Amino acid sequence: MPTELTSQAKAIIEKILYITLATVTEDGRSWNSPVYTSYDEDYNFYWASWKENTHSKNIMANPKVFAVIYDSTIVAGQGIGVYMEGRAYELSQPQDIENAFKYHYGRKKQAPRKVEEFLGDYPRRMYKFVPEKFWINTDERINGNYIDKKIEIDLRDKK
């Protein structure tokens, strides 16, 4: 696996604050949602959302999620992104929410809210996305034509 691609993917994750989640509604419609995200050392992602948002309801019904972090800050035609497939879920245990706060509020450099504000009758929840596969796009030329190709990478390889 090319180390350079893995390094590029990690740099994109560090630089870009939003992840776009692709979920599916109960009636089979696709739904994309950009959310402010943070991540831990194993590249699990965390965000806070209203429990009634479409993507939140979709995750409750079907935890399978596809996500993209795309660096659109560079020149047109040279964009690169990290693509991920995995499972997402609502954090319901106070200790898990508190752990997520370390990353979520740490990235914002803000004091965390109270854990209780993400449980019970409160409207927002903390979510966690655990990727099972990662890809990064590269460009190739076939007969002079630009081809956007995805290469599988392993961001969790500690070698």
Foldseek 3Di string as FASTA:
>chain_A
DDPVQLVVAVVLLLPFQWKWKWFAAPVGHIDIDIFGWWADLQGKIKGKDFCPDRVNVRLVVPFWIKMKRKDPVDDPPPIKIKIFTFGKDWDADLVVQVVRCCGRCVSVVHDDDHSVCQYDPRGMTMMITDTPWMWMWDWDADPNDIDTDIDTDRNNPPD
